[in-house]
Amino acid sequence: MQIITSISQIIEARKQIAQNLKIGFVPTMGALHQGHISLVERSVKENDITIVSIFVNPRQFNDKTDLENYPRNIENDIVLLEKAKCDIIFTPNNDDLYANYQGYKTDLKGIDKIYEGEFRPGHFQGVVDVVYRLFDLVKPHKAYFGEKDFQQLAIIKLMTKNAKLPIEIIGCDIVREKSGLAMSSRNERLSEEERKNASEIYKTMLKHTANLKAGQKTDEIAKKIKEEIDNIPFLKTEYIVFCEPETLKPINKFSANTDIRLCLAVWCKKIRLIDNISLHI
């Protein structure tokens, strides 16, 4: 396994890879967990070469404290990636990565301004900036993203389409802890009691969507989920939305034979958690 830290090195390494070899890419911010590793393992299975980037991107943090507190454990990340048979780790620094690069602007059709975008202004532009830059350097054939960040996945698909990049964007299933809590690097900052309570988020979503019927109003179900979550100690719902999976447009009423995503964000004391589930009516 090769560890690369500079732009010049990744450009040279990319040139050395034979043209007939397929490259899979997994961009991360480190603090890796089994969710990340599942993406790497899928890439290893589907490609000849797997490249993983580790870069805590300042541009996608609208909260300076959140950036400062974001967990970092590069030594452990390297161990996990070696075990997963990653070929190249790319760990650039901020100045090098963004030198002579102003960012990438594209029409995201407003989906960067809703849900996560409403509460984290500028976040998705930061995501687009870094992912476009990494795609340009790595030039992968396939790139893998977890569905936990469902809105981010939709935005990256749209950005890739707009830019006409020859990259297949692959969304991978959410990996959960035994309790049902969606795996996240931020879970490391939860106390044992907070983690236990946070695991109720997923259970509450499942409970209130088990018997949905066509014609039901989505806001009635959302209200029940919010009330139950907000009654759990430490938890406070920021938003809940039922939306169309491709366009992310909010759905007001359930219709028969329809695929829907239920997405939410919940604060557990000072830690912000997101989750979503796929539904079919």
Protein backbone atom coordinates (compact mmCIF):
# COMPACT_ATOMS: atom_id res chain seq x y z
CA MET A 1 0.00 0.00 0.00
CA GLN A 2 1.31 3.41 -1.03
CA ILE A 3 0.77 6.58 1.02
CA ILE A 4 0.82 9.81 -1.00
CA THR A 5 0.74 13.28 0.54
CA SER A 6 1.26 15.76 -2.31
CA ILE A 7 -0.50 16.79 -5.51
CA SER A 8 2.59 16.14 -7.62
CA GLN A 9 2.84 12.61 -6.21
CA ILE A 10 -0.80 11.71 -6.93
CA ILE A 11 -0.51 13.06 -10.48
CA GLU A 12 2.61 10.97 -11.05
CA ALA A 13 1.08 7.87 -9.42
CA ARG A 14 -2.01 8.23 -11.62
CA LYS A 15 0.17 8.39 -14.74
CA GLN A 16 1.89 5.16 -13.72
CA ILE A 17 -1.39 3.19 -13.62
CA ALA A 18 -1.90 1.28 -16.87
CA GLN A 19 -4.77 2.56 -19.01
CA ASN A 20 -6.52 -0.81 -19.06
CA LEU A 21 -6.83 -0.91 -15.25
CA LYS A 22 -10.06 0.20 -13.58
CA ILE A 23 -9.72 2.65 -10.69
CA GLY A 24 -12.13 2.88 -7.77
CA PHE A 25 -12.09 5.91 -5.48
CA VAL A 26 -13.41 6.45 -1.95
CA PRO A 27 -13.13 10.05 -0.69
CA THR A 28 -13.21 10.32 3.13
CA MET A 29 -12.42 12.72 5.95
CA GLY A 30 -10.74 9.99 7.96
CA ALA A 31 -11.79 8.75 11.43
CA LEU A 32 -12.74 5.63 9.50
CA HIS A 33 -15.34 3.13 10.69
CA GLN A 34 -16.93 0.02 9.20
CA GLY A 35 -19.19 2.16 7.02
CA HIS A 36 -16.17 3.60 5.23
CA ILE A 37 -14.47 0.21 5.07
CA SER A 38 -17.54 -1.32 3.40
CA LEU A 39 -17.09 1.23 0.59
CA VAL A 40 -13.40 0.37 0.27
CA GLU A 41 -14.12 -3.36 0.21
CA ARG A 42 -16.70 -2.90 -2.54
CA SER A 43 -14.24 -0.83 -4.56
CA VAL A 44 -11.52 -3.47 -4.14
CA LYS A 45 -13.99 -6.11 -5.34
CA GLU A 46 -15.09 -4.12 -8.43
CA ASN A 47 -11.82 -2.46 -9.55
CA ASP A 48 -8.15 -3.20 -10.21
CA ILE A 49 -6.85 -0.29 -8.13
CA THR A 50 -8.53 1.36 -5.13
CA ILE A 51 -7.54 4.85 -4.00
CA VAL A 52 -8.81 6.34 -0.72
CA SER A 53 -8.40 10.01 0.14
CA ILE A 54 -8.26 11.27 3.72
CA PHE A 55 -8.80 15.00 3.96
CA VAL A 56 -10.76 17.00 6.55
CA ASN A 57 -12.13 19.65 4.21
CA PRO A 58 -12.44 23.08 5.90
CA ARG A 59 -14.67 24.40 3.11
CA GLN A 60 -17.59 22.14 4.05
CA PHE A 61 -17.69 23.13 7.72
CA ASN A 62 -19.93 26.11 8.47
CA ASP A 63 -19.08 25.74 12.18
CA LYS A 64 -15.43 26.34 13.12
CA THR A 65 -15.84 24.41 16.39
CA ASP A 66 -17.18 21.40 14.50
CA LEU A 67 -14.10 21.48 12.27
CA GLU A 68 -11.74 21.72 15.24
CA ASN A 69 -13.52 18.87 17.07
CA TYR A 70 -13.82 16.55 14.07
CA PRO A 71 -12.09 13.28 15.09
CA ARG A 72 -8.75 12.49 13.48
CA ASN A 73 -6.88 9.18 13.78
CA ILE A 74 -4.66 8.71 10.75
CA GLU A 75 -2.64 5.85 12.29
CA ASN A 76 -5.77 3.77 12.86
CA ASP A 77 -7.09 4.72 9.41
CA ILE A 78 -3.93 3.36 7.77
CA VAL A 79 -4.24 0.06 9.65
CA LEU A 80 -7.88 -0.35 8.59
CA LEU A 81 -7.16 0.52 4.95
CA GLU A 82 -4.23 -1.87 4.73
CA LYS A 83 -6.44 -4.64 6.09
CA ALA A 84 -9.11 -3.76 3.49
CA LYS A 85 -6.50 -4.09 0.70
CA CYS A 86 -6.53 -0.43 -0.35
CA ASP A 87 -3.78 0.29 -2.90
CA ILE A 88 -3.16 4.03 -2.46
CA ILE A 89 -3.96 6.44 0.38
CA PHE A 90 -3.97 10.10 -0.63
CA THR A 91 -3.66 12.52 2.31
CA PRO A 92 -3.15 16.05 0.94
CA ASN A 93 -2.88 19.20 3.02
CA ASN A 94 -5.25 22.13 2.54
CA ASP A 95 -2.78 24.59 0.97
CA ASP A 96 -1.51 22.07 -1.56
CA LEU A 97 -4.94 20.74 -2.54
CA TYR A 98 -6.48 24.16 -3.09
CA ALA A 99 -3.44 25.91 -4.62
CA ASN A 100 -4.45 27.58 -7.91
CA TYR A 101 -7.98 26.19 -7.56
CA GLN A 102 -10.90 28.50 -6.83
CA GLY A 103 -13.57 25.83 -6.65
CA TYR A 104 -16.22 24.47 -8.99
CA LYS A 105 -19.54 26.21 -9.61
CA THR A 106 -22.49 24.42 -11.15
CA ASP A 107 -26.28 24.60 -11.12
CA LEU A 108 -27.45 22.27 -8.36
CA LYS A 109 -31.12 23.07 -9.02
CA GLY A 110 -31.56 24.35 -5.47
CA ILE A 111 -31.06 20.98 -3.78
CA ASP A 112 -27.99 22.39 -2.03
CA LYS A 113 -30.16 24.99 -0.26
CA ILE A 114 -32.75 22.71 1.38
CA TYR A 115 -32.64 20.27 4.33
CA GLU A 116 -28.93 20.03 5.24
CA GLY A 117 -28.23 23.10 3.12
CA GLU A 118 -30.68 25.22 5.09
CA PHE A 119 -29.00 24.47 8.40
CA ARG A 120 -25.42 24.29 7.09
CA PRO A 121 -25.09 27.20 4.64
CA GLY A 122 -22.17 26.80 2.25
CA HIS A 123 -21.67 23.16 3.22
CA PHE A 124 -22.52 21.63 -0.13
CA GLN A 125 -20.50 24.14 -2.14
CA GLY A 126 -17.54 23.03 -0.01
CA VAL A 127 -18.35 19.40 -0.78
CA VAL A 128 -18.59 20.12 -4.52
CA ASP A 129 -15.29 22.04 -4.43
CA VAL A 130 -13.33 19.21 -2.84
CA VAL A 131 -14.93 16.30 -4.69
CA TYR A 132 -14.49 17.93 -8.10
CA ARG A 133 -10.84 18.66 -7.26
CA LEU A 134 -10.22 15.09 -6.09
CA PHE A 135 -11.98 13.64 -9.14
CA ASP A 136 -9.77 15.77 -11.38
CA LEU A 137 -6.62 14.47 -9.69
CA VAL A 138 -7.54 10.81 -9.20
CA LYS A 139 -9.57 10.38 -12.43
CA PRO A 140 -11.41 7.29 -11.18
CA HIS A 141 -13.77 5.11 -13.19
CA LYS A 142 -16.03 4.57 -10.17
CA ALA A 143 -16.47 6.55 -6.94
CA TYR A 144 -18.19 5.23 -3.83
CA PHE A 145 -20.29 7.18 -1.33
CA GLY A 146 -22.40 6.07 1.62
CA GLU A 147 -26.15 6.63 1.52
CA LYS A 148 -26.10 8.00 5.08
CA ASP A 149 -25.24 11.36 3.51
CA PHE A 150 -28.12 10.92 1.08
CA GLN A 151 -28.42 14.56 0.04
CA GLN A 152 -24.67 14.76 -0.53
CA LEU A 153 -24.87 11.68 -2.77
CA ALA A 154 -27.62 13.30 -4.88
CA ILE A 155 -25.57 16.50 -5.21
CA ILE A 156 -22.41 14.64 -6.26
CA LYS A 157 -24.39 12.70 -8.87
CA LEU A 158 -25.78 15.98 -10.24
CA MET A 159 -22.37 17.68 -10.20
CA THR A 160 -20.81 14.73 -12.05
CA LYS A 161 -23.59 14.79 -14.64
CA ASN A 162 -23.34 18.58 -15.12
CA ALA A 163 -19.56 18.39 -15.55
CA LYS A 164 -19.91 15.43 -17.95
CA LEU A 165 -17.31 13.49 -15.96
CA PRO A 166 -16.85 9.85 -17.08
CA ILE A 167 -17.23 8.59 -13.51
CA GLU A 168 -19.87 6.18 -12.21
CA ILE A 169 -21.15 7.38 -8.82
CA ILE A 170 -22.15 4.44 -6.64
CA GLY A 171 -24.27 4.85 -3.52
CA CYS A 172 -23.76 2.16 -0.88
CA ASP A 173 -26.09 1.03 1.90
CA ILE A 174 -25.88 2.59 5.35
CA VAL A 175 -23.90 0.45 7.79
CA ARG A 176 -25.37 0.43 11.29
CA GLU A 177 -24.20 -0.48 14.76
CA LYS A 178 -25.99 -3.42 16.40
CA SER A 179 -28.30 -0.92 18.10
CA GLY A 180 -29.42 0.47 14.74
CA LEU A 181 -27.48 3.73 15.07
CA ALA A 182 -26.04 4.75 11.70
CA MET A 183 -22.26 4.53 11.80
CA SER A 184 -20.64 7.97 11.82
CA SER A 185 -17.26 9.40 12.76
CA ARG A 186 -19.15 11.76 15.06
CA ASN A 187 -20.42 8.80 17.12
CA GLU A 188 -16.98 8.71 18.74
CA ARG A 189 -17.90 11.92 20.57
CA LEU A 190 -21.06 10.43 22.15
CA SER A 191 -21.06 9.18 25.72
CA GLU A 192 -22.38 5.66 26.36
CA GLU A 193 -25.75 7.04 27.49
CA GLU A 194 -25.98 9.47 24.56
CA ARG A 195 -25.18 6.67 22.11
CA LYS A 196 -27.89 4.49 23.65
CA ASN A 197 -30.47 7.26 23.30
CA ALA A 198 -29.31 8.14 19.77
CA SER A 199 -29.97 4.55 18.70
CA GLU A 200 -33.68 5.27 19.23
CA ILE A 201 -33.68 7.56 16.17
CA TYR A 202 -33.62 4.66 13.71
CA LYS A 203 -36.09 2.58 15.73
CA THR A 204 -38.52 5.51 15.84
CA MET A 205 -38.33 6.00 12.07
CA LEU A 206 -39.06 2.31 11.48
CA LYS A 207 -41.90 2.25 14.02
CA HIS A 208 -43.85 5.11 12.45
CA THR A 209 -43.33 4.04 8.83
CA ALA A 210 -44.18 0.35 9.23
CA ASN A 211 -47.79 0.66 8.01
CA LEU A 212 -47.91 3.64 5.68
CA LYS A 213 -50.86 3.84 3.32
CA ALA A 214 -51.49 5.74 0.10
CA GLY A 215 -53.29 9.00 0.77
CA GLN A 216 -51.75 9.60 4.20
CA LYS A 217 -50.19 13.02 4.71
CA THR A 218 -46.45 12.96 5.31
CA ASP A 219 -46.51 15.82 7.82
CA GLU A 220 -48.72 13.76 10.16
CA ILE A 221 -46.13 10.95 10.27
CA ALA A 222 -43.26 13.44 10.55
CA LYS A 223 -44.97 15.07 13.53
CA LYS A 224 -45.27 11.71 15.34
CA ILE A 225 -41.61 10.90 14.71
CA LYS A 226 -40.50 14.34 15.90
CA GLU A 227 -42.61 14.19 19.07
CA GLU A 228 -41.26 10.77 20.02
CA ILE A 229 -37.62 11.65 19.33
CA ASP A 230 -37.86 14.98 21.13
CA ASN A 231 -39.18 13.20 24.24
CA ILE A 232 -35.96 11.16 24.49
CA PRO A 233 -33.33 12.76 26.78
CA PHE A 234 -30.52 14.62 24.95
CA LEU A 235 -32.31 14.47 21.56
CA LYS A 236 -33.72 17.41 19.60
CA THR A 237 -34.97 17.10 16.02
CA GLU A 238 -33.72 19.71 13.55
CA TYR A 239 -35.70 18.61 10.51
CA ILE A 240 -37.67 15.64 9.18
CA VAL A 241 -38.63 15.31 5.52
CA PHE A 242 -40.16 12.73 3.21
CA CYS A 243 -38.74 13.31 -0.27
CA GLU A 244 -38.45 11.93 -3.78
CA PRO A 245 -35.12 10.00 -3.91
CA GLU A 246 -33.78 11.44 -7.18
CA THR A 247 -34.84 15.10 -7.08
CA LEU A 248 -35.14 15.37 -3.27
CA LYS A 249 -38.42 17.25 -3.76
CA PRO A 250 -40.56 17.07 -0.60
CA ILE A 251 -43.58 14.76 -0.74
CA ASN A 252 -46.79 15.92 0.93
CA LYS A 253 -48.88 12.79 0.52
CA PHE A 254 -48.03 9.11 0.14
CA SER A 255 -48.91 7.51 -3.20
CA ALA A 256 -49.12 3.83 -4.15
CA ASN A 257 -46.08 2.18 -5.79
CA THR A 258 -43.80 5.06 -4.89
CA ASP A 259 -40.20 5.10 -3.62
CA ILE A 260 -39.58 7.64 -0.87
CA ARG A 261 -36.68 8.69 1.36
CA LEU A 262 -37.28 9.72 4.93
CA CYS A 263 -34.37 11.98 5.95
CA LEU A 264 -33.74 13.70 9.26
CA ALA A 265 -31.19 15.48 11.39
CA VAL A 266 -31.17 15.23 15.18
CA TRP A 267 -28.99 16.91 17.79
CA CYS A 268 -27.78 14.64 20.57
CA LYS A 269 -26.64 17.29 23.03
CA LYS A 270 -23.88 19.02 21.02
CA ILE A 271 -23.43 16.30 18.39
CA ARG A 272 -25.43 16.55 15.17
CA LEU A 273 -26.53 13.23 13.68
CA ILE A 274 -28.20 12.50 10.34
CA ASP A 275 -29.99 9.39 9.14
CA ASN A 276 -32.41 8.22 6.47
CA ILE A 277 -34.39 5.18 5.40
CA SER A 278 -35.77 4.01 2.07
CA LEU A 279 -39.52 3.44 1.87
CA HIS A 280 -41.82 1.94 -0.73
CA ILE A 281 -45.55 2.48 -0.46
